[in-house]
């Protein structure tokens, strides 16, 4: 686990550039040479601040996780007093914007999506610190929607199905953009996608036991 410490200005600049490249290309296709070139630093700076590519990648994940938390809290902004449907709507809306919206505060979602698609040695750290807590949160909401009598395996599969819908719109971007003649998601596109997944998921969960939510 990367220890929390204050990041120096040059190191922060390297993290910002490296995070963008890792999100664009993935860990394996990203080279330290390219990071150095775009950061305008030499290899010695990478070695001095981070040690190697793997440690730099972990530091990027930690850095952008902290930035994401400034915009969206770990509980995805969910109000405990909301209804199960409202909680699910908030979770999906927040998660989709974290995955698809452009900007520094959403780059952690893109790094996570890359890690889902092309796992690295950092996956175990991410599972414990980010993925597992988010999955547990969404599972608890799904259980509220379905009812406490729903078996755990069914709750787990329903939770995975919702996440799968969200991740598709991130991982299949090249296909979606070509089919829709776009080169990026607009804010309206993201809202449309979020509302579609919310409505689709609520309808599916409502029909899971042939009962109305």
C-alpha atoms as a PDB file:
ATOM      1  CA  UNK A   1       0.000   0.000   0.000  1.00  0.00           C
ATOM      2  CA  UNK A   2       1.313   3.446  -0.910  1.00  0.00           C
ATOM      3  CA  UNK A   3       1.874   5.564   2.171  1.00  0.00           C
ATOM      4  CA  UNK A   4       0.145   8.920   2.323  1.00  0.00           C
ATOM      5  CA  UNK A   5       2.603  11.800   2.061  1.00  0.00           C
ATOM      6  CA  UNK A   6       2.722  15.290   0.686  1.00  0.00           C
ATOM      7  CA  UNK A   7       3.545  15.293  -3.014  1.00  0.00           C
ATOM      8  CA  UNK A   8       6.249  17.697  -4.156  1.00  0.00           C
ATOM      9  CA  UNK A   9       5.494  19.997  -7.141  1.00  0.00           C
ATOM     10  CA  UNK A  10       7.676  18.143  -9.669  1.00  0.00           C
ATOM     11  CA  UNK A  11       6.405  14.761  -8.508  1.00  0.00           C
ATOM     12  CA  UNK A  12       2.833  16.018  -8.758  1.00  0.00           C
ATOM     13  CA  UNK A  13       3.444  17.163 -12.328  1.00  0.00           C
ATOM     14  CA  UNK A  14       4.777  13.708 -13.198  1.00  0.00           C
ATOM     15  CA  UNK A  15       1.740  12.054 -11.593  1.00  0.00           C
ATOM     16  CA  UNK A  16      -0.688  14.240 -13.529  1.00  0.00           C
ATOM     17  CA  UNK A  17       0.957  13.467 -16.855  1.00  0.00           C
ATOM     18  CA  UNK A  18       1.502   9.780 -16.115  1.00  0.00           C
ATOM     19  CA  UNK A  19      -2.105   9.353 -15.005  1.00  0.00           C
ATOM     20  CA  UNK A  20      -3.388  10.753 -18.293  1.00  0.00           C
ATOM     21  CA  UNK A  21      -1.157   8.398 -20.281  1.00  0.00           C
ATOM     22  CA  UNK A  22      -2.001   5.358 -18.166  1.00  0.00           C
ATOM     23  CA  UNK A  23      -5.720   6.110 -18.606  1.00  0.00           C
ATOM     24  CA  UNK A  24      -5.313   6.509 -22.380  1.00  0.00           C
ATOM     25  CA  UNK A  25      -3.063   3.560 -23.090  1.00  0.00           C
ATOM     26  CA  UNK A  26      -3.151   1.250 -20.095  1.00  0.00           C
ATOM     27  CA  UNK A  27      -0.242   0.203 -17.909  1.00  0.00           C
ATOM     28  CA  UNK A  28       1.419  -2.213 -20.330  1.00  0.00           C
ATOM     29  CA  UNK A  29       1.459   0.050 -23.388  1.00  0.00           C
ATOM     30  CA  UNK A  30       2.648   3.076 -21.443  1.00  0.00           C
ATOM     31  CA  UNK A  31       6.400   3.577 -21.381  1.00  0.00           C
ATOM     32  CA  UNK A  32       8.496   5.484 -18.883  1.00  0.00           C
ATOM     33  CA  UNK A  33      10.202   7.139 -21.848  1.00  0.00           C
ATOM     34  CA  UNK A  34       6.895   8.650 -22.986  1.00  0.00           C
ATOM     35  CA  UNK A  35       6.063   9.810 -19.456  1.00  0.00           C
ATOM     36  CA  UNK A  36       9.463  11.483 -19.183  1.00  0.00           C
ATOM     37  CA  UNK A  37       9.038  13.160 -22.567  1.00  0.00           C
ATOM     38  CA  UNK A  38       5.579  14.542 -21.861  1.00  0.00           C
ATOM     39  CA  UNK A  39       6.487  15.500 -18.282  1.00  0.00           C
ATOM     40  CA  UNK A  40       9.729  17.135 -19.489  1.00  0.00           C
ATOM     41  CA  UNK A  41      11.813  15.300 -16.916  1.00  0.00           C
ATOM     42  CA  UNK A  42      14.569  12.728 -17.163  1.00  0.00           C
ATOM     43  CA  UNK A  43      14.537   9.115 -16.015  1.00  0.00           C
ATOM     44  CA  UNK A  44      16.429  10.043 -12.869  1.00  0.00           C
ATOM     45  CA  UNK A  45      13.424  12.090 -11.689  1.00  0.00           C
ATOM     46  CA  UNK A  46      11.115   9.089 -12.076  1.00  0.00           C
ATOM     47  CA  UNK A  47      13.548   6.889 -10.179  1.00  0.00           C
ATOM     48  CA  UNK A  48      14.054   9.491  -7.463  1.00  0.00           C
ATOM     49  CA  UNK A  49      10.387  10.127  -6.704  1.00  0.00           C
ATOM     50  CA  UNK A  50       8.833   6.741  -7.463  1.00  0.00           C
ATOM     51  CA  UNK A  51      11.462   4.070  -7.998  1.00  0.00           C
ATOM     52  CA  UNK A  52      10.060   2.316 -11.068  1.00  0.00           C
ATOM     53  CA  UNK A  53       7.066   2.144 -13.413  1.00  0.00           C
ATOM     54  CA  UNK A  54       5.029  -0.115 -11.108  1.00  0.00           C
ATOM     55  CA  UNK A  55       5.450   2.217  -8.125  1.00  0.00           C
ATOM     56  CA  UNK A  56       4.670   5.216 -10.306  1.00  0.00           C
ATOM     57  CA  UNK A  57       1.452   3.534 -11.441  1.00  0.00           C
ATOM     58  CA  UNK A  58       0.406   2.803  -7.852  1.00  0.00           C
ATOM     59  CA  UNK A  59       1.205   6.384  -6.888  1.00  0.00           C
ATOM     60  CA  UNK A  60      -0.964   7.615  -9.804  1.00  0.00           C
ATOM     61  CA  UNK A  61      -3.888   5.519  -8.629  1.00  0.00           C
ATOM     62  CA  UNK A  62      -3.555   6.846  -5.088  1.00  0.00           C
ATOM     63  CA  UNK A  63      -3.150  10.432  -6.323  1.00  0.00           C
ATOM     64  CA  UNK A  64      -6.208  10.389  -8.576  1.00  0.00           C
ATOM     65  CA  UNK A  65      -8.249   8.519  -5.994  1.00  0.00           C
ATOM     66  CA  UNK A  66      -7.703  11.411  -3.603  1.00  0.00           C
ATOM     67  CA  UNK A  67      -8.699  13.908  -6.311  1.00  0.00           C
ATOM     68  CA  UNK A  68     -11.864  11.942  -7.124  1.00  0.00           C
ATOM     69  CA  UNK A  69     -12.799  11.908  -3.432  1.00  0.00           C
ATOM     70  CA  UNK A  70     -12.753  15.728  -3.441  1.00  0.00           C
ATOM     71  CA  UNK A  71     -15.604  15.739  -5.972  1.00  0.00           C
ATOM     72  CA  UNK A  72     -17.465  12.597  -4.962  1.00  0.00           C
ATOM     73  CA  UNK A  73     -17.267  11.088  -1.455  1.00  0.00           C
ATOM     74  CA  UNK A  74     -16.623   7.386  -0.981  1.00  0.00           C
ATOM     75  CA  UNK A  75     -20.350   6.814  -0.396  1.00  0.00           C
ATOM     76  CA  UNK A  76     -21.093   8.281  -3.880  1.00  0.00           C
ATOM     77  CA  UNK A  77     -23.085  11.098  -2.293  1.00  0.00           C
ATOM     78  CA  UNK A  78     -25.864   8.742  -1.214  1.00  0.00           C
ATOM     79  CA  UNK A  79     -28.235   9.955   1.494  1.00  0.00           C
ATOM     80  CA  UNK A  80     -29.058   7.178   3.946  1.00  0.00           C
ATOM     81  CA  UNK A  81     -32.591   8.574   4.298  1.00  0.00           C
ATOM     82  CA  UNK A  82     -33.326   8.180   0.581  1.00  0.00           C
ATOM     83  CA  UNK A  83     -35.485   5.369  -0.782  1.00  0.00           C
ATOM     84  CA  UNK A  84     -33.744   2.316  -2.299  1.00  0.00           C
ATOM     85  CA  UNK A  85     -34.628   3.530  -5.811  1.00  0.00           C
ATOM     86  CA  UNK A  86     -33.178   6.971  -5.076  1.00  0.00           C
ATOM     87  CA  UNK A  87     -29.991   5.417  -3.690  1.00  0.00           C
ATOM     88  CA  UNK A  88     -29.565   3.251  -6.772  1.00  0.00           C
ATOM     89  CA  UNK A  89     -30.168   6.233  -9.048  1.00  0.00           C
ATOM     90  CA  UNK A  90     -27.566   8.304  -7.211  1.00  0.00           C
ATOM     91  CA  UNK A  91     -24.986   5.524  -7.323  1.00  0.00           C
ATOM     92  CA  UNK A  92     -25.402   4.852 -11.050  1.00  0.00           C
ATOM     93  CA  UNK A  93     -25.482   8.552 -11.972  1.00  0.00           C
ATOM     94  CA  UNK A  94     -22.313   9.242  -9.981  1.00  0.00           C
ATOM     95  CA  UNK A  95     -20.502   6.158 -11.245  1.00  0.00           C
ATOM     96  CA  UNK A  96     -21.307   6.881 -14.916  1.00  0.00           C
ATOM     97  CA  UNK A  97     -20.111  10.474 -14.656  1.00  0.00           C
ATOM     98  CA  UNK A  98     -16.955   9.277 -12.907  1.00  0.00           C
ATOM     99  CA  UNK A  99     -16.303   6.865 -15.806  1.00  0.00           C
ATOM    100  CA  UNK A 100     -17.257   9.021 -18.779  1.00  0.00           C
ATOM    101  CA  UNK A 101     -16.855  12.688 -17.881  1.00  0.00           C
ATOM    102  CA  UNK A 102     -13.578  14.333 -18.847  1.00  0.00           C
ATOM    103  CA  UNK A 103     -11.369  16.058 -16.272  1.00  0.00           C
ATOM    104  CA  UNK A 104      -8.815  15.447 -13.540  1.00  0.00           C
ATOM    105  CA  UNK A 105     -11.466  14.607 -10.956  1.00  0.00           C
ATOM    106  CA  UNK A 106     -12.861  11.766 -13.069  1.00  0.00           C
ATOM    107  CA  UNK A 107      -9.564  10.268 -14.214  1.00  0.00           C
ATOM    108  CA  UNK A 108      -9.580   7.770 -11.352  1.00  0.00           C
ATOM    109  CA  UNK A 109     -12.711   6.185 -12.812  1.00  0.00           C
ATOM    110  CA  UNK A 110     -10.957   5.771 -16.150  1.00  0.00           C
ATOM    111  CA  UNK A 111      -7.917   4.237 -14.475  1.00  0.00           C
ATOM    112  CA  UNK A 112     -10.227   1.828 -12.653  1.00  0.00           C
ATOM    113  CA  UNK A 113     -11.945   0.900 -15.920  1.00  0.00           C
ATOM    114  CA  UNK A 114      -8.538   0.192 -17.458  1.00  0.00           C
ATOM    115  CA  UNK A 115      -7.683  -2.004 -14.516  1.00  0.00           C
ATOM    116  CA  UNK A 116     -10.912  -3.978 -14.958  1.00  0.00           C
ATOM    117  CA  UNK A 117     -10.086  -4.550 -18.616  1.00  0.00           C
ATOM    118  CA  UNK A 118      -6.338  -5.089 -18.288  1.00  0.00           C
ATOM    119  CA  UNK A 119      -5.542  -6.121 -14.682  1.00  0.00           C
ATOM    120  CA  UNK A 120      -2.081  -5.443 -13.266  1.00  0.00           C
ATOM    121  CA  UNK A 121      -0.328  -6.164 -10.003  1.00  0.00           C
ATOM    122  CA  UNK A 122      -2.125  -3.143  -8.550  1.00  0.00           C
ATOM    123  CA  UNK A 123      -5.496  -4.886  -8.775  1.00  0.00           C
ATOM    124  CA  UNK A 124      -5.300  -6.414  -5.281  1.00  0.00           C
ATOM    125  CA  UNK A 125      -4.690  -2.974  -3.775  1.00  0.00           C
ATOM    126  CA  UNK A 126      -7.544  -1.466  -5.782  1.00  0.00           C
ATOM    127  CA  UNK A 127      -9.933  -4.253  -4.814  1.00  0.00           C
ATOM    128  CA  UNK A 128      -9.347  -3.727  -1.104  1.00  0.00           C
ATOM    129  CA  UNK A 129      -9.265   0.076  -1.121  1.00  0.00           C
ATOM    130  CA  UNK A 130     -11.816   1.028  -3.782  1.00  0.00           C
ATOM    131  CA  UNK A 131     -13.524  -1.717  -5.782  1.00  0.00           C
ATOM    132  CA  UNK A 132     -14.665  -3.908  -2.888  1.00  0.00           C
ATOM    133  CA  UNK A 133     -16.097  -1.047  -0.769  1.00  0.00           C
ATOM    134  CA  UNK A 134     -18.000   0.280  -3.821  1.00  0.00           C
ATOM    135  CA  UNK A 135     -19.275  -3.192  -4.669  1.00  0.00           C
ATOM    136  CA  UNK A 136     -20.449  -3.760  -1.093  1.00  0.00           C
ATOM    137  CA  UNK A 137     -22.235  -0.399  -1.150  1.00  0.00           C
ATOM    138  CA  UNK A 138     -24.015  -1.145  -4.431  1.00  0.00           C
ATOM    139  CA  UNK A 139     -24.867  -4.682  -3.253  1.00  0.00           C
ATOM    140  CA  UNK A 140     -26.493  -3.299  -0.127  1.00  0.00           C
ATOM    141  CA  UNK A 141     -28.625  -0.979  -2.269  1.00  0.00           C
ATOM    142  CA  UNK A 142     -29.591  -3.806  -4.629  1.00  0.00           C
ATOM    143  CA  UNK A 143     -30.587  -5.901  -1.623  1.00  0.00           C
ATOM    144  CA  UNK A 144     -32.800  -3.050  -0.381  1.00  0.00           C
ATOM    145  CA  UNK A 145     -34.479  -2.862  -3.786  1.00  0.00           C
ATOM    146  CA  UNK A 146     -34.988  -6.622  -4.089  1.00  0.00           C
ATOM    147  CA  UNK A 147     -35.890  -7.218  -0.456  1.00  0.00           C
ATOM    148  CA  UNK A 148     -34.037  -8.864   2.392  1.00  0.00           C
ATOM    149  CA  UNK A 149     -35.301 -12.329   1.438  1.00  0.00           C
ATOM    150  CA  UNK A 150     -33.260 -12.313  -1.765  1.00  0.00           C
ATOM    151  CA  UNK A 151     -30.353 -14.808  -1.661  1.00  0.00           C
ATOM    152  CA  UNK A 152     -26.811 -13.424  -1.635  1.00  0.00           C
ATOM    153  CA  UNK A 153     -25.780 -15.020  -4.979  1.00  0.00           C
ATOM    154  CA  UNK A 154     -28.750 -13.324  -6.684  1.00  0.00           C
ATOM    155  CA  UNK A 155     -27.849  -9.958  -5.151  1.00  0.00           C
ATOM    156  CA  UNK A 156     -24.250 -10.401  -6.287  1.00  0.00           C
ATOM    157  CA  UNK A 157     -25.226 -11.231  -9.876  1.00  0.00           C
ATOM    158  CA  UNK A 158     -27.646  -8.302 -10.074  1.00  0.00           C
ATOM    159  CA  UNK A 159     -24.934  -5.983  -8.756  1.00  0.00           C
ATOM    160  CA  UNK A 160     -22.472  -7.264 -11.367  1.00  0.00           C
ATOM    161  CA  UNK A 161     -25.068  -6.780 -14.104  1.00  0.00           C
ATOM    162  CA  UNK A 162     -25.526  -3.112 -13.178  1.00  0.00           C
ATOM    163  CA  UNK A 163     -21.784  -2.499 -13.090  1.00  0.00           C
ATOM    164  CA  UNK A 164     -21.413  -4.317 -16.408  1.00  0.00           C
ATOM    165  CA  UNK A 165     -23.817  -1.897 -18.074  1.00  0.00           C
ATOM    166  CA  UNK A 166     -21.833   1.064 -16.780  1.00  0.00           C
ATOM    167  CA  UNK A 167     -18.447  -0.329 -17.797  1.00  0.00           C
ATOM    168  CA  UNK A 168     -19.644  -1.151 -21.309  1.00  0.00           C
ATOM    169  CA  UNK A 169     -20.075   2.540 -22.111  1.00  0.00           C
ATOM    170  CA  UNK A 170     -16.467   3.110 -21.049  1.00  0.00           C
ATOM    171  CA  UNK A 171     -14.728   0.068 -22.501  1.00  0.00           C
ATOM    172  CA  UNK A 172     -16.664   0.036 -25.802  1.00  0.00           C
ATOM    173  CA  UNK A 173     -16.176   3.731 -26.545  1.00  0.00           C
ATOM    174  CA  UNK A 174     -14.457   3.193 -29.937  1.00  0.00           C
ATOM    175  CA  UNK A 175     -17.426   1.125 -31.123  1.00  0.00           C
ATOM    176  CA  UNK A 176     -20.082   3.421 -29.647  1.00  0.00           C
ATOM    177  CA  UNK A 177     -18.488   6.565 -31.102  1.00  0.00           C
ATOM    178  CA  UNK A 178     -18.324   5.039 -34.581  1.00  0.00           C
ATOM    179  CA  UNK A 179     -21.903   3.785 -34.416  1.00  0.00           C
ATOM    180  CA  UNK A 180     -23.152   7.185 -33.247  1.00  0.00           C
ATOM    181  CA  UNK A 181     -20.787   9.251 -35.431  1.00  0.00           C
ATOM    182  CA  UNK A 182     -19.228  10.941 -32.408  1.00  0.00           C
ATOM    183  CA  UNK A 183     -15.717  11.465 -31.147  1.00  0.00           C
ATOM    184  CA  UNK A 184     -16.610  12.092 -27.485  1.00  0.00           C
ATOM    185  CA  UNK A 185     -19.465  11.924 -24.996  1.00  0.00           C
ATOM    186  CA  UNK A 186     -21.265  15.213 -24.417  1.00  0.00           C
ATOM    187  CA  UNK A 187     -22.724  16.020 -21.018  1.00  0.00           C
ATOM    188  CA  UNK A 188     -26.166  15.302 -22.470  1.00  0.00           C
ATOM    189  CA  UNK A 189     -24.943  11.925 -23.747  1.00  0.00           C
ATOM    190  CA  UNK A 190     -23.711  10.998 -20.277  1.00  0.00           C
ATOM    191  CA  UNK A 191     -26.986  12.074 -18.668  1.00  0.00           C
ATOM    192  CA  UNK A 192     -28.905  10.022 -21.250  1.00  0.00           C
ATOM    193  CA  UNK A 193     -26.756   6.949 -20.592  1.00  0.00           C
ATOM    194  CA  UNK A 194     -27.102   7.316 -16.824  1.00  0.00           C
ATOM    195  CA  UNK A 195     -30.891   7.665 -17.018  1.00  0.00           C
ATOM    196  CA  UNK A 196     -31.125   4.678 -19.347  1.00  0.00           C
ATOM    197  CA  UNK A 197     -29.112   2.422 -17.021  1.00  0.00           C
ATOM    198  CA  UNK A 198     -31.084   3.644 -13.993  1.00  0.00           C
ATOM    199  CA  UNK A 199     -34.450   2.961 -15.631  1.00  0.00           C
ATOM    200  CA  UNK A 200     -33.343  -0.326 -17.195  1.00  0.00           C
ATOM    201  CA  UNK A 201     -31.914  -1.584 -13.899  1.00  0.00           C
ATOM    202  CA  UNK A 202     -34.938  -0.579 -11.836  1.00  0.00           C
ATOM    203  CA  UNK A 203     -37.279  -2.268 -14.294  1.00  0.00           C
ATOM    204  CA  UNK A 204     -35.138  -5.412 -14.297  1.00  0.00           C
ATOM    205  CA  UNK A 205     -34.933  -5.539 -10.509  1.00  0.00           C
ATOM    206  CA  UNK A 206     -38.646  -4.848 -10.251  1.00  0.00           C
ATOM    207  CA  UNK A 207     -39.397  -7.835 -12.460  1.00  0.00           C
ATOM    208  CA  UNK A 208     -36.829 -10.098 -10.814  1.00  0.00           C
ATOM    209  CA  UNK A 209     -39.430 -11.671  -8.563  1.00  0.00           C
ATOM    210  CA  UNK A 210     -42.351 -10.544 -10.738  1.00  0.00           C
ATOM    211  CA  UNK A 211     -43.245  -7.829  -8.267  1.00  0.00           C
ATOM    212  CA  UNK A 212     -43.453  -4.064  -8.395  1.00  0.00           C
ATOM    213  CA  UNK A 213     -40.706  -2.063  -6.682  1.00  0.00           C
END
